[in-house]
Amino acid sequence: MPQLFSVHPDNPQPRLLKQAVALLAQGGIVAVPTDSSYALACHLDDKAAADALRRLRGVDEKHHLTLLCRDLSELASYARVDNRQYRLLKQTTPGPFTFILEATKEVPRRVSPPQRKTIGLRVPDHRTLQELLALHGAPLLATTLIPPGATEPLNDPQEIRERLRPGLAAVIDAGACPLEPTTVVDLSEGELVIVREGRGELARLGL
């Protein structure tokens, strides 16, 4: 059975988050709360963990995975953006937006879709996840927690534990999430393209 770390939503206990970070370092997949829904996350540089993440989610290599970043200071290592794009990112993060960007060579090829050197990037506005990213010290590779065959993400930590064992290492329970997907914005070709309208308000994009 996956471990369950029940943390305070406003003041998550570092001791419990450090245990989750240790599991991530060992190649484990952890269900984490975000400002849109629960997500599955793993270590970016662990190929076996990334493969296991896709299997658990029931998606292939064509599915865009996302980097969960603590802030935009990590951006330059993983994505190429011009000044206009950076200003857009700055006015919308942290928040429930996922940006598809041109990836740098620092991004492992296996996490980009075939024929596209791109990466999804997101700076979540969620205290527990922000603390976890700070303790981890690097972005996490993630995907929305939608079980194979389902269309909606799971929102109950106990159900997540039951449905996704034995592939899941742990669940961080910080309470229910909004259960609305992020707004996905593709900037990889230069122009702004809305791929999916979700919780992120288009007005914040100037639309």
C-alpha atoms as a PDB file:
ATOM      1  CA  MET A   1       0.000   0.000   0.000  1.00  0.00           C
ATOM      2  CA  PRO A   2       1.368   3.466  -0.857  1.00  0.00           C
ATOM      3  CA  GLN A   3       2.360   5.617   2.102  1.00  0.00           C
ATOM      4  CA  LEU A   4       0.018   8.441   3.106  1.00  0.00           C
ATOM      5  CA  PHE A   5       1.483  11.732   4.293  1.00  0.00           C
ATOM      6  CA  SER A   6      -1.301  13.857   5.796  1.00  0.00           C
ATOM      7  CA  VAL A   7      -0.033  17.432   6.009  1.00  0.00           C
ATOM      8  CA  HIS A   8      -1.509  20.709   7.172  1.00  0.00           C
ATOM      9  CA  PRO A   9      -2.681  22.638   4.053  1.00  0.00           C
ATOM     10  CA  ASP A  10      -1.281  25.966   5.262  1.00  0.00           C
ATOM     11  CA  ASN A  11       1.752  24.774   7.199  1.00  0.00           C
ATOM     12  CA  PRO A  12       2.837  21.384   5.820  1.00  0.00           C
ATOM     13  CA  GLN A  13       5.138  19.467   8.126  1.00  0.00           C
ATOM     14  CA  PRO A  14       8.696  19.443   6.689  1.00  0.00           C
ATOM     15  CA  ARG A  15       9.374  16.053   8.296  1.00  0.00           C
ATOM     16  CA  LEU A  16       6.665  14.404   6.201  1.00  0.00           C
ATOM     17  CA  LEU A  17       7.620  16.222   3.001  1.00  0.00           C
ATOM     18  CA  LYS A  18      11.250  15.150   3.459  1.00  0.00           C
ATOM     19  CA  GLN A  19      10.071  11.541   3.553  1.00  0.00           C
ATOM     20  CA  ALA A  20       8.259  12.109   0.254  1.00  0.00           C
ATOM     21  CA  VAL A  21      11.405  13.682  -1.234  1.00  0.00           C
ATOM     22  CA  ALA A  22      13.381  10.593  -0.186  1.00  0.00           C
ATOM     23  CA  LEU A  23      10.904   8.359  -2.025  1.00  0.00           C
ATOM     24  CA  LEU A  24      11.208  10.525  -5.161  1.00  0.00           C
ATOM     25  CA  ALA A  25      15.005  10.228  -4.982  1.00  0.00           C
ATOM     26  CA  GLN A  26      14.631   6.440  -4.877  1.00  0.00           C
ATOM     27  CA  GLY A  27      12.613   6.454  -8.117  1.00  0.00           C
ATOM     28  CA  GLY A  28       9.168   6.445  -6.532  1.00  0.00           C
ATOM     29  CA  ILE A  29       6.061   8.085  -7.955  1.00  0.00           C
ATOM     30  CA  VAL A  30       4.203  10.387  -5.553  1.00  0.00           C
ATOM     31  CA  ALA A  31       0.686  11.791  -5.864  1.00  0.00           C
ATOM     32  CA  VAL A  32       0.879  15.510  -5.060  1.00  0.00           C
ATOM     33  CA  PRO A  33      -1.783  18.215  -4.617  1.00  0.00           C
ATOM     34  CA  THR A  34      -1.741  21.221  -6.939  1.00  0.00           C
ATOM     35  CA  ASP A  35      -3.833  24.342  -7.493  1.00  0.00           C
ATOM     36  CA  SER A  36      -5.816  22.512 -10.190  1.00  0.00           C
ATOM     37  CA  SER A  37      -5.980  18.819  -9.277  1.00  0.00           C
ATOM     38  CA  TYR A  38      -3.861  16.028  -7.875  1.00  0.00           C
ATOM     39  CA  ALA A  39      -0.895  15.077 -10.064  1.00  0.00           C
ATOM     40  CA  LEU A  40       1.540  12.193 -10.347  1.00  0.00           C
ATOM     41  CA  ALA A  41       5.155  13.299  -9.954  1.00  0.00           C
ATOM     42  CA  CYS A  42       8.601  11.721 -10.192  1.00  0.00           C
ATOM     43  CA  HIS A  43      12.281  12.637 -10.437  1.00  0.00           C
ATOM     44  CA  LEU A  44      13.099  14.358 -13.740  1.00  0.00           C
ATOM     45  CA  ASP A  45      16.405  12.559 -14.329  1.00  0.00           C
ATOM     46  CA  ASP A  46      15.151   9.026 -13.638  1.00  0.00           C
ATOM     47  CA  LYS A  47      14.239   7.240 -16.895  1.00  0.00           C
ATOM     48  CA  ALA A  48      12.715   4.228 -15.135  1.00  0.00           C
ATOM     49  CA  ALA A  49      10.548   6.524 -12.999  1.00  0.00           C
ATOM     50  CA  ALA A  50       9.376   8.463 -16.074  1.00  0.00           C
ATOM     51  CA  ASP A  51       8.454   5.201 -17.820  1.00  0.00           C
ATOM     52  CA  ALA A  52       6.607   4.018 -14.707  1.00  0.00           C
ATOM     53  CA  LEU A  53       4.804   7.371 -14.516  1.00  0.00           C
ATOM     54  CA  ARG A  54       3.463   6.910 -18.049  1.00  0.00           C
ATOM     55  CA  ARG A  55       2.398   3.324 -17.335  1.00  0.00           C
ATOM     56  CA  LEU A  56       0.588   4.339 -14.163  1.00  0.00           C
ATOM     57  CA  ARG A  57      -1.191   7.144 -16.021  1.00  0.00           C
ATOM     58  CA  GLY A  58      -1.887   4.920 -19.027  1.00  0.00           C
ATOM     59  CA  VAL A  59      -0.298   7.237 -21.640  1.00  0.00           C
ATOM     60  CA  ASP A  60       2.405   6.766 -24.258  1.00  0.00           C
ATOM     61  CA  GLU A  61       5.421   8.868 -25.272  1.00  0.00           C
ATOM     62  CA  LYS A  62       3.213  11.190 -27.348  1.00  0.00           C
ATOM     63  CA  HIS A  63       1.587  12.525 -24.174  1.00  0.00           C
ATOM     64  CA  HIS A  64       3.072  15.807 -22.980  1.00  0.00           C
ATOM     65  CA  LEU A  65       4.593  15.585 -19.524  1.00  0.00           C
ATOM     66  CA  THR A  66       5.044  18.741 -17.447  1.00  0.00           C
ATOM     67  CA  LEU A  67       7.826  20.171 -15.329  1.00  0.00           C
ATOM     68  CA  LEU A  68       6.573  21.424 -11.971  1.00  0.00           C
ATOM     69  CA  CYS A  69       8.853  24.344 -11.086  1.00  0.00           C
ATOM     70  CA  ARG A  70       9.079  26.366  -7.899  1.00  0.00           C
ATOM     71  CA  ASP A  71       9.502  29.655  -9.801  1.00  0.00           C
ATOM     72  CA  LEU A  72      10.680  31.111 -13.100  1.00  0.00           C
ATOM     73  CA  SER A  73      14.320  31.167 -12.010  1.00  0.00           C
ATOM     74  CA  GLU A  74      14.472  27.517 -13.107  1.00  0.00           C
ATOM     75  CA  LEU A  75      13.073  28.344 -16.529  1.00  0.00           C
ATOM     76  CA  ALA A  76      16.297  29.124 -18.418  1.00  0.00           C
ATOM     77  CA  SER A  77      17.717  25.658 -17.789  1.00  0.00           C
ATOM     78  CA  TYR A  78      14.802  23.883 -19.434  1.00  0.00           C
ATOM     79  CA  ALA A  79      13.072  26.179 -21.946  1.00  0.00           C
ATOM     80  CA  ARG A  80      13.863  28.889 -24.494  1.00  0.00           C
ATOM     81  CA  VAL A  81      11.656  31.971 -24.351  1.00  0.00           C
ATOM     82  CA  ASP A  82      11.905  35.461 -25.765  1.00  0.00           C
ATOM     83  CA  ASN A  83      11.252  38.643 -23.784  1.00  0.00           C
ATOM     84  CA  ARG A  84       7.574  38.811 -24.749  1.00  0.00           C
ATOM     85  CA  GLN A  85       6.975  35.210 -23.711  1.00  0.00           C
ATOM     86  CA  TYR A  86       8.818  35.727 -20.443  1.00  0.00           C
ATOM     87  CA  ARG A  87       6.625  38.718 -19.579  1.00  0.00           C
ATOM     88  CA  LEU A  88       3.560  36.561 -20.210  1.00  0.00           C
ATOM     89  CA  LEU A  89       4.904  33.821 -17.952  1.00  0.00           C
ATOM     90  CA  LYS A  90       5.726  36.353 -15.263  1.00  0.00           C
ATOM     91  CA  GLN A  91       2.196  37.796 -15.189  1.00  0.00           C
ATOM     92  CA  THR A  92       0.521  34.388 -14.998  1.00  0.00           C
ATOM     93  CA  THR A  93       2.727  32.455 -12.570  1.00  0.00           C
ATOM     94  CA  PRO A  94       2.344  31.022 -10.073  1.00  0.00           C
ATOM     95  CA  GLY A  95      -1.076  29.817 -11.147  1.00  0.00           C
ATOM     96  CA  PRO A  96      -3.113  27.124 -12.921  1.00  0.00           C
ATOM     97  CA  PHE A  97      -1.433  27.485 -16.324  1.00  0.00           C
ATOM     98  CA  THR A  98       0.690  24.975 -18.236  1.00  0.00           C
ATOM     99  CA  PHE A  99       2.939  26.443 -20.925  1.00  0.00           C
ATOM    100  CA  ILE A 100       4.295  24.362 -23.796  1.00  0.00           C
ATOM    101  CA  LEU A 101       7.718  25.760 -24.610  1.00  0.00           C
ATOM    102  CA  GLU A 102      10.722  24.992 -26.782  1.00  0.00           C
ATOM    103  CA  ALA A 103      12.939  22.725 -24.693  1.00  0.00           C
ATOM    104  CA  THR A 104      16.667  23.180 -24.134  1.00  0.00           C
ATOM    105  CA  LYS A 105      19.233  20.389 -24.314  1.00  0.00           C
ATOM    106  CA  GLU A 106      18.960  20.065 -20.525  1.00  0.00           C
ATOM    107  CA  VAL A 107      15.565  18.406 -20.951  1.00  0.00           C
ATOM    108  CA  PRO A 108      15.923  14.637 -21.453  1.00  0.00           C
ATOM    109  CA  ARG A 109      14.735  13.676 -24.950  1.00  0.00           C
ATOM    110  CA  ARG A 110      12.509  10.961 -23.503  1.00  0.00           C
ATOM    111  CA  VAL A 111      10.197  13.479 -21.822  1.00  0.00           C
ATOM    112  CA  SER A 112       9.406  15.338 -25.065  1.00  0.00           C
ATOM    113  CA  PRO A 113       6.868  14.010 -27.601  1.00  0.00           C
ATOM    114  CA  PRO A 114       8.307  12.414 -30.767  1.00  0.00           C
ATOM    115  CA  GLN A 115       9.174  14.952 -33.492  1.00  0.00           C
ATOM    116  CA  ARG A 116       8.730  17.838 -31.039  1.00  0.00           C
ATOM    117  CA  LYS A 117      11.490  19.209 -28.838  1.00  0.00           C
ATOM    118  CA  THR A 118       9.069  20.822 -26.415  1.00  0.00           C
ATOM    119  CA  ILE A 119       8.253  20.632 -22.723  1.00  0.00           C
ATOM    120  CA  GLY A 120       5.306  21.620 -20.590  1.00  0.00           C
ATOM    121  CA  LEU A 121       6.207  23.977 -17.754  1.00  0.00           C
ATOM    122  CA  ARG A 122       4.115  24.974 -14.766  1.00  0.00           C
ATOM    123  CA  VAL A 123       4.629  27.009 -11.590  1.00  0.00           C
ATOM    124  CA  PRO A 124       1.857  25.888  -9.211  1.00  0.00           C
ATOM    125  CA  ASP A 125       0.263  28.169  -6.647  1.00  0.00           C
ATOM    126  CA  HIS A 126      -0.008  25.579  -3.875  1.00  0.00           C
ATOM    127  CA  ARG A 127       1.792  25.858  -0.528  1.00  0.00           C
ATOM    128  CA  THR A 128       2.408  22.137   0.027  1.00  0.00           C
ATOM    129  CA  LEU A 129       3.718  21.547  -3.477  1.00  0.00           C
ATOM    130  CA  GLN A 130       5.894  24.647  -3.293  1.00  0.00           C
ATOM    131  CA  GLU A 131       7.450  23.370  -0.052  1.00  0.00           C
ATOM    132  CA  LEU A 132       7.992  19.938  -1.599  1.00  0.00           C
ATOM    133  CA  LEU A 133       9.732  21.466  -4.635  1.00  0.00           C
ATOM    134  CA  ALA A 134      11.933  23.570  -2.355  1.00  0.00           C
ATOM    135  CA  LEU A 135      13.018  20.515  -0.370  1.00  0.00           C
ATOM    136  CA  HIS A 136      13.562  18.501  -3.560  1.00  0.00           C
ATOM    137  CA  GLY A 137      15.707  21.301  -4.971  1.00  0.00           C
ATOM    138  CA  ALA A 138      14.741  20.791  -8.624  1.00  0.00           C
ATOM    139  CA  PRO A 139      11.661  20.568 -10.863  1.00  0.00           C
ATOM    140  CA  LEU A 140       9.570  17.410 -10.822  1.00  0.00           C
ATOM    141  CA  LEU A 141       8.220  15.599 -13.871  1.00  0.00           C
ATOM    142  CA  ALA A 142       4.445  15.334 -13.615  1.00  0.00           C
ATOM    143  CA  THR A 143       1.113  14.534 -15.226  1.00  0.00           C
ATOM    144  CA  THR A 144      -2.497  15.037 -14.103  1.00  0.00           C
ATOM    145  CA  LEU A 145      -3.714  12.201 -11.887  1.00  0.00           C
ATOM    146  CA  ILE A 146      -6.337  10.649 -14.158  1.00  0.00           C
ATOM    147  CA  PRO A 147      -6.434   6.838 -13.889  1.00  0.00           C
ATOM    148  CA  PRO A 148      -6.375   4.751 -17.082  1.00  0.00           C
ATOM    149  CA  GLY A 149      -9.842   4.627 -18.638  1.00  0.00           C
ATOM    150  CA  ALA A 150     -11.120   7.628 -16.635  1.00  0.00           C
ATOM    151  CA  THR A 151     -11.828  11.152 -17.838  1.00  0.00           C
ATOM    152  CA  GLU A 152     -11.694  13.042 -14.526  1.00  0.00           C
ATOM    153  CA  PRO A 153      -8.823  13.307 -12.019  1.00  0.00           C
ATOM    154  CA  LEU A 154      -9.084  11.621  -8.625  1.00  0.00           C
ATOM    155  CA  ASN A 155      -9.448  13.957  -5.659  1.00  0.00           C
ATOM    156  CA  ASP A 156      -9.668  11.687  -2.612  1.00  0.00           C
ATOM    157  CA  PRO A 157      -6.283  10.596  -1.169  1.00  0.00           C
ATOM    158  CA  GLN A 158      -7.645   7.281   0.119  1.00  0.00           C
ATOM    159  CA  GLU A 159      -9.157   6.447  -3.266  1.00  0.00           C
ATOM    160  CA  ILE A 160      -5.872   7.402  -4.947  1.00  0.00           C
ATOM    161  CA  ARG A 161      -4.038   4.944  -2.668  1.00  0.00           C
ATOM    162  CA  GLU A 162      -6.478   2.157  -3.468  1.00  0.00           C
ATOM    163  CA  ARG A 163      -6.777   2.725  -7.210  1.00  0.00           C
ATOM    164  CA  LEU A 164      -3.102   3.230  -8.014  1.00  0.00           C
ATOM    165  CA  ARG A 165      -1.349   0.614  -5.939  1.00  0.00           C
ATOM    166  CA  PRO A 166       1.145  -1.032  -6.339  1.00  0.00           C
ATOM    167  CA  GLY A 167       2.718   1.471  -8.765  1.00  0.00           C
ATOM    168  CA  LEU A 168       2.455   4.460  -6.417  1.00  0.00           C
ATOM    169  CA  ALA A 169       4.987   5.105  -3.656  1.00  0.00           C
ATOM    170  CA  ALA A 170       3.026   7.686  -1.658  1.00  0.00           C
ATOM    171  CA  VAL A 171       0.196  10.210  -1.538  1.00  0.00           C
ATOM    172  CA  ILE A 172       0.577  13.666  -0.017  1.00  0.00           C
ATOM    173  CA  ASP A 173      -2.794  14.535   1.487  1.00  0.00           C
ATOM    174  CA  ALA A 174      -3.246  18.290   1.846  1.00  0.00           C
ATOM    175  CA  GLY A 175      -7.015  18.205   1.390  1.00  0.00           C
ATOM    176  CA  ALA A 176      -9.186  18.330  -1.705  1.00  0.00           C
ATOM    177  CA  CYS A 177      -8.015  20.093  -4.864  1.00  0.00           C
ATOM    178  CA  PRO A 178     -10.193  22.291  -7.140  1.00  0.00           C
ATOM    179  CA  LEU A 179     -10.685  19.446  -9.687  1.00  0.00           C
ATOM    180  CA  GLU A 180     -10.366  21.705 -12.705  1.00  0.00           C
ATOM    181  CA  PRO A 181      -7.497  21.253 -15.174  1.00  0.00           C
ATOM    182  CA  THR A 182      -4.944  23.907 -15.967  1.00  0.00           C
ATOM    183  CA  THR A 183      -5.277  26.179 -18.945  1.00  0.00           C
ATOM    184  CA  VAL A 184      -2.724  24.927 -21.486  1.00  0.00           C
ATOM    185  CA  VAL A 185      -0.950  27.544 -23.598  1.00  0.00           C
ATOM    186  CA  ASP A 186       1.370  26.604 -26.470  1.00  0.00           C
ATOM    187  CA  LEU A 187       4.172  29.132 -27.006  1.00  0.00           C
ATOM    188  CA  SER A 188       6.567  26.762 -28.759  1.00  0.00           C
ATOM    189  CA  GLU A 189       5.944  28.217 -32.226  1.00  0.00           C
ATOM    190  CA  GLY A 190       6.167  31.829 -31.084  1.00  0.00           C
ATOM    191  CA  GLU A 191       2.489  32.724 -31.198  1.00  0.00           C
ATOM    192  CA  LEU A 192       0.104  32.142 -28.289  1.00  0.00           C
ATOM    193  CA  VAL A 193      -2.225  29.185 -28.913  1.00  0.00           C
ATOM    194  CA  ILE A 194      -4.814  28.042 -26.344  1.00  0.00           C
ATOM    195  CA  VAL A 195      -4.690  24.232 -26.354  1.00  0.00           C
ATOM    196  CA  ARG A 196      -7.110  23.776 -23.468  1.00  0.00           C
ATOM    197  CA  GLU A 197      -9.158  26.291 -21.505  1.00  0.00           C
ATOM    198  CA  GLY A 198      -9.191  25.403 -17.834  1.00  0.00           C
ATOM    199  CA  ARG A 199      -8.930  27.022 -14.418  1.00  0.00           C
ATOM    200  CA  GLY A 200      -6.436  29.664 -15.518  1.00  0.00           C
ATOM    201  CA  GLU A 201      -8.383  32.756 -16.574  1.00  0.00           C
ATOM    202  CA  LEU A 202      -7.760  33.906 -20.140  1.00  0.00           C
ATOM    203  CA  ALA A 203      -7.880  37.521 -18.946  1.00  0.00           C
ATOM    204  CA  ARG A 204      -4.521  36.951 -17.231  1.00  0.00           C
ATOM    205  CA  LEU A 205      -3.123  36.180 -20.677  1.00  0.00           C
ATOM    206  CA  GLY A 206      -4.481  39.463 -22.024  1.00  0.00           C
ATOM    207  CA  LEU A 207      -7.222  37.705 -23.977  1.00  0.00           C
END
